[in-house]
Amino acid sequence: RQSAQLLDAQQQLRGAERATKEAEGALATSEARCAELQKLEDSGEAARVELAAKAFAAVERIHELMAEAQRAKEMHTQLQEKLEEETRRANEAERCTTAAATTS
């Protein structure tokens, strides 16, 4: 009777050892998957940081372009005003020349 109990206990021990090995294998697999997921998360975070940096740079460039456009608009306005003034002067000079030619 004791040998039957001993055999039963040995079988239970072997079963427990198998279950322990399976659990250890599952734990190792789970840890490996966790490590892979952490790597993916880290690379995703790096990609988000890089994307945010690119977006910030793009916004900065947009601001630069807007400032350049404003300067160009102001220069255009100044040139337009100079052109109008030169046109008035040329028209006045032409009127004076025409008036002088008709009076002489």
C-alpha atoms as a PDB file:
ATOM      1  CA  ARG A   1       0.000   0.000   0.000  1.00  0.00           C
ATOM      2  CA  GLN A   2       2.829   2.432   0.732  1.00  0.00           C
ATOM      3  CA  SER A   3       4.511   1.576  -2.578  1.00  0.00           C
ATOM      4  CA  ALA A   4       1.239   2.414  -4.386  1.00  0.00           C
ATOM      5  CA  GLN A   5       1.133   5.721  -2.593  1.00  0.00           C
ATOM      6  CA  LEU A   6       4.806   6.273  -3.418  1.00  0.00           C
ATOM      7  CA  LEU A   7       4.175   5.526  -7.116  1.00  0.00           C
ATOM      8  CA  ASP A   8       1.176   7.862  -7.103  1.00  0.00           C
ATOM      9  CA  ALA A   9       3.243  10.588  -5.453  1.00  0.00           C
ATOM     10  CA  GLN A  10       6.040  10.073  -8.006  1.00  0.00           C
ATOM     11  CA  GLN A  11       3.546  10.361 -10.870  1.00  0.00           C
ATOM     12  CA  GLN A  12       2.102  13.504  -9.349  1.00  0.00           C
ATOM     13  CA  LEU A  13       5.625  14.910  -8.972  1.00  0.00           C
ATOM     14  CA  ARG A  14       6.432  14.163 -12.616  1.00  0.00           C
ATOM     15  CA  GLY A  15       3.148  15.747 -13.643  1.00  0.00           C
ATOM     16  CA  ALA A  16       3.963  18.781 -11.553  1.00  0.00           C
ATOM     17  CA  GLU A  17       7.448  18.952 -13.097  1.00  0.00           C
ATOM     18  CA  ARG A  18       5.941  18.811 -16.611  1.00  0.00           C
ATOM     19  CA  ALA A  19       3.436  21.491 -15.700  1.00  0.00           C
ATOM     20  CA  THR A  20       6.267  23.601 -14.256  1.00  0.00           C
ATOM     21  CA  LYS A  21       8.319  23.224 -17.450  1.00  0.00           C
ATOM     22  CA  GLU A  22       5.292  24.154 -19.566  1.00  0.00           C
ATOM     23  CA  ALA A  23       4.633  27.158 -17.351  1.00  0.00           C
ATOM     24  CA  GLU A  24       8.299  28.187 -17.604  1.00  0.00           C
ATOM     25  CA  GLY A  25       8.123  27.867 -21.395  1.00  0.00           C
ATOM     26  CA  ALA A  26       4.941  29.918 -21.511  1.00  0.00           C
ATOM     27  CA  LEU A  27       6.540  32.519 -19.243  1.00  0.00           C
ATOM     28  CA  ALA A  28       9.623  32.721 -21.474  1.00  0.00           C
ATOM     29  CA  THR A  29       7.403  33.099 -24.549  1.00  0.00           C
ATOM     30  CA  SER A  30       5.362  35.766 -22.816  1.00  0.00           C
ATOM     31  CA  GLU A  31       8.485  37.666 -21.743  1.00  0.00           C
ATOM     32  CA  ALA A  32       9.843  37.504 -25.289  1.00  0.00           C
ATOM     33  CA  ARG A  33       6.560  38.846 -26.658  1.00  0.00           C
ATOM     34  CA  CYS A  34       6.576  41.615 -24.065  1.00  0.00           C
ATOM     35  CA  ALA A  35      10.113  42.543 -25.110  1.00  0.00           C
ATOM     36  CA  GLU A  36       9.051  42.616 -28.784  1.00  0.00           C
ATOM     37  CA  LEU A  37       6.045  44.775 -27.956  1.00  0.00           C
ATOM     38  CA  GLN A  38       8.254  47.132 -25.934  1.00  0.00           C
ATOM     39  CA  LYS A  39      10.609  47.450 -28.907  1.00  0.00           C
ATOM     40  CA  LEU A  40       7.657  48.217 -31.166  1.00  0.00           C
ATOM     41  CA  GLU A  41       6.338  50.758 -28.701  1.00  0.00           C
ATOM     42  CA  ASP A  42       9.782  52.361 -28.387  1.00  0.00           C
ATOM     43  CA  SER A  43      10.191  52.553 -32.158  1.00  0.00           C
ATOM     44  CA  GLY A  44       6.659  53.935 -32.441  1.00  0.00           C
ATOM     45  CA  GLU A  45       7.492  56.558 -29.843  1.00  0.00           C
ATOM     46  CA  ALA A  46      10.667  57.433 -31.736  1.00  0.00           C
ATOM     47  CA  ALA A  47       8.629  57.740 -34.940  1.00  0.00           C
ATOM     48  CA  ARG A  48       6.114  60.001 -33.178  1.00  0.00           C
ATOM     49  CA  VAL A  49       8.930  62.184 -31.836  1.00  0.00           C
ATOM     50  CA  GLU A  50      10.509  62.381 -35.300  1.00  0.00           C
ATOM     51  CA  LEU A  51       7.152  63.224 -36.865  1.00  0.00           C
ATOM     52  CA  ALA A  52       6.516  65.934 -34.275  1.00  0.00           C
ATOM     53  CA  ALA A  53       9.959  67.412 -34.972  1.00  0.00           C
ATOM     54  CA  LYS A  54       9.249  67.418 -38.706  1.00  0.00           C
ATOM     55  CA  ALA A  55       5.865  69.034 -38.133  1.00  0.00           C
ATOM     56  CA  PHE A  56       7.477  71.717 -35.962  1.00  0.00           C
ATOM     57  CA  ALA A  57      10.108  72.357 -38.650  1.00  0.00           C
ATOM     58  CA  ALA A  58       7.362  72.598 -41.275  1.00  0.00           C
ATOM     59  CA  VAL A  59       5.467  75.133 -39.176  1.00  0.00           C
ATOM     60  CA  GLU A  60       8.665  77.145 -38.703  1.00  0.00           C
ATOM     61  CA  ARG A  61       9.243  77.099 -42.476  1.00  0.00           C
ATOM     62  CA  ILE A  62       5.652  78.217 -43.082  1.00  0.00           C
ATOM     63  CA  HIS A  63       6.223  81.166 -40.744  1.00  0.00           C
ATOM     64  CA  GLU A  64       9.427  82.048 -42.619  1.00  0.00           C
ATOM     65  CA  LEU A  65       7.610  81.875 -45.958  1.00  0.00           C
ATOM     66  CA  MET A  66       4.775  84.015 -44.639  1.00  0.00           C
ATOM     67  CA  ALA A  67       7.300  86.632 -43.462  1.00  0.00           C
ATOM     68  CA  GLU A  68       8.999  86.529 -46.887  1.00  0.00           C
ATOM     69  CA  ALA A  69       5.630  86.905 -48.592  1.00  0.00           C
ATOM     70  CA  GLN A  70       4.815  89.908 -46.395  1.00  0.00           C
ATOM     71  CA  ARG A  71       8.165  91.536 -47.261  1.00  0.00           C
ATOM     72  CA  ALA A  72       7.565  90.842 -50.949  1.00  0.00           C
ATOM     73  CA  LYS A  73       4.094  92.376 -50.703  1.00  0.00           C
ATOM     74  CA  GLU A  74       5.484  95.479 -49.022  1.00  0.00           C
ATOM     75  CA  MET A  75       8.217  95.770 -51.679  1.00  0.00           C
ATOM     76  CA  HIS A  76       5.614  95.351 -54.405  1.00  0.00           C
ATOM     77  CA  THR A  77       3.538  98.131 -52.863  1.00  0.00           C
ATOM     78  CA  GLN A  78       6.591 100.428 -52.705  1.00  0.00           C
ATOM     79  CA  LEU A  79       7.517  99.661 -56.295  1.00  0.00           C
ATOM     80  CA  GLN A  80       3.925 100.230 -57.389  1.00  0.00           C
ATOM     81  CA  GLU A  81       3.940 103.625 -55.654  1.00  0.00           C
ATOM     82  CA  LYS A  82       7.283 104.551 -57.293  1.00  0.00           C
ATOM     83  CA  LEU A  83       5.954 103.476 -60.693  1.00  0.00           C
ATOM     84  CA  GLU A  84       2.838 105.591 -60.248  1.00  0.00           C
ATOM     85  CA  GLU A  85       4.990 108.590 -59.210  1.00  0.00           C
ATOM     86  CA  GLU A  86       7.339 108.120 -62.187  1.00  0.00           C
ATOM     87  CA  THR A  87       4.329 107.798 -64.498  1.00  0.00           C
ATOM     88  CA  ARG A  88       2.884 111.063 -63.124  1.00  0.00           C
ATOM     89  CA  ARG A  89       6.243 112.797 -63.617  1.00  0.00           C
ATOM     90  CA  ALA A  90       6.592 111.446 -67.154  1.00  0.00           C
ATOM     91  CA  ASN A  91       3.052 112.553 -68.020  1.00  0.00           C
ATOM     92  CA  GLU A  92       3.707 116.000 -66.534  1.00  0.00           C
ATOM     93  CA  ALA A  93       7.000 116.295 -68.432  1.00  0.00           C
ATOM     94  CA  GLU A  94       5.223 115.283 -71.633  1.00  0.00           C
ATOM     95  CA  ARG A  95       2.508 117.900 -71.031  1.00  0.00           C
ATOM     96  CA  CYS A  96       5.163 120.539 -70.400  1.00  0.00           C
ATOM     97  CA  THR A  97       7.051 119.516 -73.536  1.00  0.00           C
ATOM     98  CA  THR A  98       3.832 119.570 -75.564  1.00  0.00           C
ATOM     99  CA  ALA A  99       2.829 122.951 -74.128  1.00  0.00           C
ATOM    100  CA  ALA A 100       6.276 124.390 -74.838  1.00  0.00           C
ATOM    101  CA  ALA A 101       6.201 123.087 -78.399  1.00  0.00           C
ATOM    102  CA  THR A 102       2.780 124.598 -79.084  1.00  0.00           C
ATOM    103  CA  THR A 103       3.664 127.974 -77.627  1.00  0.00           C
ATOM    104  CA  SER A 104       6.844 128.371 -79.626  1.00  0.00           C
END
